[in-house]
C-alpha atoms as a PDB file:
ATOM      1  CA  MET A   1    -134.689  87.725 -67.132  1.00  0.00           C
ATOM      2  CA  LYS A   2    -137.031  84.750 -66.893  1.00  0.00           C
ATOM      3  CA  PRO A   3    -138.366  85.764 -63.430  1.00  0.00           C
ATOM      4  CA  PHE A   4    -139.355  89.154 -64.865  1.00  0.00           C
ATOM      5  CA  PHE A   5    -141.294  87.576 -67.712  1.00  0.00           C
ATOM      6  CA  ASP A   6    -142.860  85.093 -65.293  1.00  0.00           C
ATOM      7  CA  ALA A   7    -144.039  88.026 -63.170  1.00  0.00           C
ATOM      8  CA  LEU A   8    -145.801  89.481 -66.202  1.00  0.00           C
ATOM      9  CA  SER A   9    -148.235  86.575 -66.043  1.00  0.00           C
ATOM     10  CA  GLN A  10    -149.424  87.790 -62.625  1.00  0.00           C
ATOM     11  CA  PRO A  11    -152.118  90.470 -62.950  1.00  0.00           C
ATOM     12  CA  GLU A  12    -151.223  92.063 -59.606  1.00  0.00           C
ATOM     13  CA  TYR A  13    -147.656  92.600 -60.793  1.00  0.00           C
ATOM     14  CA  VAL A  14    -148.721  94.117 -64.107  1.00  0.00           C
ATOM     15  CA  HIS A  15    -151.249  96.322 -62.281  1.00  0.00           C
ATOM     16  CA  VAL A  16    -148.518  97.710 -60.019  1.00  0.00           C
ATOM     17  CA  LEU A  17    -146.199  98.111 -62.997  1.00  0.00           C
ATOM     18  CA  LEU A  18    -148.754 100.118 -65.014  1.00  0.00           C
ATOM     19  CA  ASN A  19    -150.637 102.039 -62.336  1.00  0.00           C
ATOM     20  CA  PRO A  20    -148.303 105.076 -62.292  1.00  0.00           C
ATOM     21  CA  LEU A  21    -149.308 105.951 -65.879  1.00  0.00           C
ATOM     22  CA  PRO A  22    -152.802 107.306 -65.193  1.00  0.00           C
ATOM     23  CA  VAL A  23    -151.483 109.397 -62.281  1.00  0.00           C
ATOM     24  CA  TYR A  24    -147.831 110.371 -62.764  1.00  0.00           C
ATOM     25  CA  GLY A  25    -148.048 110.253 -66.534  1.00  0.00           C
ATOM     26  CA  LEU A  26    -151.164 112.389 -66.499  1.00  0.00           C
ATOM     27  CA  ALA A  27    -149.459 114.866 -64.151  1.00  0.00           C
ATOM     28  CA  THR A  28    -146.575 115.081 -66.617  1.00  0.00           C
ATOM     29  CA  GLY A  29    -149.014 115.736 -69.467  1.00  0.00           C
ATOM     30  CA  VAL A  30    -150.768 118.456 -67.446  1.00  0.00           C
ATOM     31  CA  LEU A  31    -147.478 120.168 -66.673  1.00  0.00           C
ATOM     32  CA  GLY A  32    -146.456 119.909 -70.318  1.00  0.00           C
ATOM     33  CA  LEU A  33    -149.755 121.337 -71.514  1.00  0.00           C
ATOM     34  CA  VAL A  34    -149.576 124.267 -69.076  1.00  0.00           C
ATOM     35  CA  LEU A  35    -146.056 125.094 -70.265  1.00  0.00           C
ATOM     36  CA  ALA A  36    -146.968 124.618 -73.935  1.00  0.00           C
ATOM     37  CA  MET A  37    -149.985 126.903 -73.598  1.00  0.00           C
ATOM     38  CA  ALA A  38    -147.943 129.512 -71.720  1.00  0.00           C
ATOM     39  CA  LEU A  39    -145.292 129.414 -74.439  1.00  0.00           C
ATOM     40  CA  ARG A  40    -147.948 129.290 -77.160  1.00  0.00           C
ATOM     41  CA  SER A  41    -146.208 126.381 -78.804  1.00  0.00           C
ATOM     42  CA  ARG A  42    -148.638 124.425 -80.955  1.00  0.00           C
ATOM     43  CA  THR A  43    -146.217 121.540 -81.401  1.00  0.00           C
ATOM     44  CA  ALA A  44    -145.641 121.244 -77.651  1.00  0.00           C
ATOM     45  CA  GLN A  45    -149.401 121.381 -77.072  1.00  0.00           C
ATOM     46  CA  VAL A  46    -149.919 118.437 -79.421  1.00  0.00           C
ATOM     47  CA  VAL A  47    -147.177 116.461 -77.660  1.00  0.00           C
ATOM     48  CA  ALA A  48    -148.733 117.209 -74.257  1.00  0.00           C
ATOM     49  CA  LEU A  49    -152.187 116.285 -75.549  1.00  0.00           C
ATOM     50  CA  ILE A  50    -150.803 112.968 -76.835  1.00  0.00           C
ATOM     51  CA  ILE A  51    -149.276 112.269 -73.414  1.00  0.00           C
ATOM     52  CA  ILE A  52    -152.628 113.044 -71.767  1.00  0.00           C
ATOM     53  CA  LEU A  53    -154.457 110.821 -74.267  1.00  0.00           C
ATOM     54  CA  ILE A  54    -152.103 107.868 -73.723  1.00  0.00           C
ATOM     55  CA  CYS A  55    -152.073 108.199 -69.942  1.00  0.00           C
ATOM     56  CA  ALA A  56    -155.843 108.581 -69.656  1.00  0.00           C
ATOM     57  CA  ALA A  57    -156.371 105.594 -71.960  1.00  0.00           C
ATOM     58  CA  SER A  58    -153.880 103.565 -69.909  1.00  0.00           C
ATOM     59  CA  ALA A  59    -156.474 103.483 -67.135  1.00  0.00           C
ATOM     60  CA  TRP A  60    -158.167 100.672 -69.063  1.00  0.00           C
ATOM     61  CA  PRO A  61    -155.358  98.068 -68.747  1.00  0.00           C
ATOM     62  CA  VAL A  62    -154.615  99.240 -65.203  1.00  0.00           C
ATOM     63  CA  TYR A  63    -158.264  98.646 -64.309  1.00  0.00           C
ATOM     64  CA  GLN A  64    -158.405  95.275 -66.080  1.00  0.00           C
ATOM     65  CA  TYR A  65    -155.255  93.967 -64.406  1.00  0.00           C
ATOM     66  CA  GLY A  66    -156.494  95.278 -61.071  1.00  0.00           C
ATOM     67  CA  GLU A  67    -159.705  93.324 -61.495  1.00  0.00           C
ATOM     68  CA  GLY A  68    -157.673  90.238 -62.345  1.00  0.00           C
ATOM     69  CA  ALA A  69    -155.619  90.671 -59.182  1.00  0.00           C
ATOM     70  CA  TYR A  70    -158.522  91.362 -56.806  1.00  0.00           C
ATOM     71  CA  TYR A  71    -159.130  87.904 -55.363  1.00  0.00           C
ATOM     72  CA  ARG A  72    -155.455  87.062 -54.988  1.00  0.00           C
ATOM     73  CA  LEU A  73    -154.760  90.322 -53.163  1.00  0.00           C
ATOM     74  CA  ARG A  74    -157.857  89.889 -51.069  1.00  0.00           C
ATOM     75  CA  ALA A  75    -156.599  86.483 -49.902  1.00  0.00           C
ATOM     76  CA  MET A  76    -153.229  87.977 -48.886  1.00  0.00           C
ATOM     77  CA  ALA A  77    -154.514  91.091 -47.114  1.00  0.00           C
ATOM     78  CA  ASP A  78    -155.446  91.551 -43.483  1.00  0.00           C
ATOM     79  CA  ALA A  79    -158.956  92.800 -42.570  1.00  0.00           C
ATOM     80  CA  ASP A  80    -158.089  96.497 -42.918  1.00  0.00           C
ATOM     81  CA  GLY A  81    -156.235  95.757 -46.151  1.00  0.00           C
ATOM     82  CA  VAL A  82    -159.328  94.041 -47.541  1.00  0.00           C
ATOM     83  CA  ALA A  83    -161.415  97.081 -46.618  1.00  0.00           C
ATOM     84  CA  TRP A  84    -158.952  99.385 -48.379  1.00  0.00           C
ATOM     85  CA  LEU A  85    -158.847  97.012 -51.368  1.00  0.00           C
ATOM     86  CA  ASN A  86    -162.630  97.184 -51.595  1.00  0.00           C
ATOM     87  CA  ALA A  87    -162.529 100.985 -51.355  1.00  0.00           C
ATOM     88  CA  HIS A  88    -159.843 101.058 -54.058  1.00  0.00           C
ATOM     89  CA  ARG A  89    -161.947  98.837 -56.307  1.00  0.00           C
ATOM     90  CA  GLN A  90    -165.173 100.796 -55.707  1.00  0.00           C
ATOM     91  CA  ARG A  91    -163.448 104.089 -56.441  1.00  0.00           C
ATOM     92  CA  ALA A  92    -161.960 102.753 -59.680  1.00  0.00           C
ATOM     93  CA  GLU A  93    -165.321 101.348 -60.785  1.00  0.00           C
ATOM     94  CA  THR A  94    -167.015 104.655 -59.989  1.00  0.00           C
ATOM     95  CA  VAL A  95    -164.699 106.983 -61.915  1.00  0.00           C
ATOM     96  CA  ILE A  96    -163.061 104.890 -64.663  1.00  0.00           C
ATOM     97  CA  GLY A  97    -165.369 106.535 -67.210  1.00  0.00           C
ATOM     98  CA  ALA A  98    -163.815 109.922 -66.481  1.00  0.00           C
ATOM     99  CA  PHE A  99    -160.458 108.616 -67.735  1.00  0.00           C
ATOM    100  CA  TYR A 100    -162.087 107.384 -70.943  1.00  0.00           C
ATOM    101  CA  ALA A 101    -163.895 110.693 -71.431  1.00  0.00           C
ATOM    102  CA  LEU A 102    -160.635 112.591 -70.946  1.00  0.00           C
ATOM    103  CA  ALA A 103    -158.931 110.410 -73.551  1.00  0.00           C
ATOM    104  CA  GLY A 104    -161.757 111.252 -75.952  1.00  0.00           C
ATOM    105  CA  VAL A 105    -161.525 114.984 -75.277  1.00  0.00           C
ATOM    106  CA  ALA A 106    -157.756 114.881 -75.774  1.00  0.00           C
ATOM    107  CA  ALA A 107    -158.209 113.043 -79.081  1.00  0.00           C
ATOM    108  CA  VAL A 108    -160.685 115.676 -80.259  1.00  0.00           C
ATOM    109  CA  ALA A 109    -158.291 118.445 -79.168  1.00  0.00           C
ATOM    110  CA  ILE A 110    -155.518 116.830 -81.214  1.00  0.00           C
ATOM    111  CA  ALA A 111    -157.793 116.501 -84.248  1.00  0.00           C
ATOM    112  CA  ALA A 112    -158.868 120.126 -83.844  1.00  0.00           C
ATOM    113  CA  ARG A 113    -155.283 121.212 -84.463  1.00  0.00           C
ATOM    114  CA  VAL A 114    -155.629 119.807 -87.975  1.00  0.00           C
ATOM    115  CA  ARG A 115    -159.269 120.313 -88.880  1.00  0.00           C
ATOM    116  CA  TRP A 116    -160.726 123.127 -86.729  1.00  0.00           C
ATOM    117  CA  ALA A 117    -157.942 125.552 -85.869  1.00  0.00           C
ATOM    118  CA  ARG A 118    -160.327 128.011 -84.153  1.00  0.00           C
ATOM    119  CA  LEU A 119    -161.364 125.350 -81.635  1.00  0.00           C
ATOM    120  CA  ALA A 120    -157.837 124.167 -80.878  1.00  0.00           C
ATOM    121  CA  LEU A 121    -157.124 126.491 -77.951  1.00  0.00           C
ATOM    122  CA  PRO A 122    -160.535 126.123 -76.255  1.00  0.00           C
ATOM    123  CA  LEU A 123    -160.311 122.334 -76.619  1.00  0.00           C
ATOM    124  CA  SER A 124    -156.789 122.328 -75.195  1.00  0.00           C
ATOM    125  CA  ALA A 125    -158.026 124.373 -72.242  1.00  0.00           C
ATOM    126  CA  THR A 126    -160.962 121.994 -71.782  1.00  0.00           C
ATOM    127  CA  THR A 127    -158.560 119.059 -71.880  1.00  0.00           C
ATOM    128  CA  LEU A 128    -156.367 120.754 -69.290  1.00  0.00           C
ATOM    129  CA  LEU A 129    -159.288 121.332 -66.913  1.00  0.00           C
ATOM    130  CA  GLY A 130    -160.530 117.785 -67.433  1.00  0.00           C
ATOM    131  CA  ALA A 131    -157.042 116.387 -66.876  1.00  0.00           C
ATOM    132  CA  LEU A 132    -156.746 118.264 -63.593  1.00  0.00           C
ATOM    133  CA  ALA A 133    -160.064 116.836 -62.421  1.00  0.00           C
ATOM    134  CA  VAL A 134    -159.194 113.302 -63.543  1.00  0.00           C
ATOM    135  CA  LEU A 135    -155.764 113.612 -61.944  1.00  0.00           C
ATOM    136  CA  GLY A 136    -157.520 114.350 -58.645  1.00  0.00           C
ATOM    137  CA  LEU A 137    -159.740 111.298 -59.132  1.00  0.00           C
ATOM    138  CA  GLY A 138    -156.691 109.165 -59.882  1.00  0.00           C
ATOM    139  CA  GLY A 139    -155.094 110.341 -56.652  1.00  0.00           C
ATOM    140  CA  TRP A 140    -158.289 109.456 -54.781  1.00  0.00           C
ATOM    141  CA  ILE A 141    -158.192 105.921 -56.205  1.00  0.00           C
ATOM    142  CA  ALA A 142    -154.461 105.551 -55.530  1.00  0.00           C
ATOM    143  CA  TYR A 143    -154.868 106.795 -51.952  1.00  0.00           C
ATOM    144  CA  ALA A 144    -156.944 103.735 -51.095  1.00  0.00           C
ATOM    145  CA  GLY A 145    -154.804 101.411 -53.205  1.00  0.00           C
ATOM    146  CA  GLY A 146    -151.625 102.361 -51.385  1.00  0.00           C
ATOM    147  CA  LYS A 147    -153.126 101.266 -48.084  1.00  0.00           C
ATOM    148  CA  VAL A 148    -154.000  97.725 -49.203  1.00  0.00           C
ATOM    149  CA  ARG A 149    -150.613  96.150 -48.492  1.00  0.00           C
ATOM    150  CA  HIS A 150    -148.740  99.041 -46.857  1.00  0.00           C
ATOM    151  CA  ARG A 151    -149.679  99.277 -43.188  1.00  0.00           C
ATOM    152  CA  GLU A 152    -147.266 102.177 -42.770  1.00  0.00           C
ATOM    153  CA  PHE A 153    -149.615 104.282 -44.926  1.00  0.00           C
ATOM    154  CA  ARG A 154    -152.680 103.490 -42.827  1.00  0.00           C
ATOM    155  CA  ASN A 155    -153.046 106.606 -40.737  1.00  0.00           C
ATOM    156  CA  GLU A 156    -156.820 106.266 -40.534  1.00  0.00           C
ATOM    157  CA  SER A 157    -159.478 103.573 -40.359  1.00  0.00           C
ATOM    158  CA  PRO A 158    -160.700 102.107 -43.650  1.00  0.00           C
ATOM    159  CA  PRO A 159    -163.864 103.602 -45.152  1.00  0.00           C
ATOM    160  CA  VAL A 160    -166.923 102.056 -43.487  1.00  0.00           C
ATOM    161  CA  GLU A 161    -168.813 101.583 -46.766  1.00  0.00           C
ATOM    162  CA  ALA A 162    -165.902  99.550 -48.133  1.00  0.00           C
ATOM    163  CA  VAL A 163    -165.995  97.279 -45.099  1.00  0.00           C
ATOM    164  CA  THR A 164    -169.722  96.611 -45.386  1.00  0.00           C
ATOM    165  CA  LYS A 165    -170.287  96.636 -49.168  1.00  0.00           C
ATOM    166  CA  GLY A 166    -167.121  95.289 -50.709  1.00  0.00           C
ATOM    167  CA  SER A 167    -167.375  91.582 -50.038  1.00  0.00           C
ATOM    168  CA  GLY A 168    -167.884  90.659 -53.698  1.00  0.00           C
END
């Protein structure tokens, strides 16, 4: 058990441990919200909205631990891995705000169930559309991240802008 707790002090380990939440967790919330809306279950919609809120908000610790792991991973990676790491980092920096915005929209949609019943369905639909867009962005970030240390996933050259810009 001690090795597990020791690993939790390494930001790269915690990043890998948490990074499925903003993608797979969000996909689960989207599926749940689609089913809840199709079944017209208000309770299920609230549960799905809570899942979306938590998973979108989880992008913050994933991002923070990723930043903490950057230099260590950079030192371990080969040249193409460094380029993919830089692309991964740039993508996360570019779109992290979308995850925060989605968490806010989901929170408002949950509150609408209690305070503004007429707005509940339109806000749930807005959350669903936003979650689909953010899920796509999360996949875009993860696509580059998966190529950092996994050569078997590198079926293309790294993005040129990541090679030239990402030295910092």
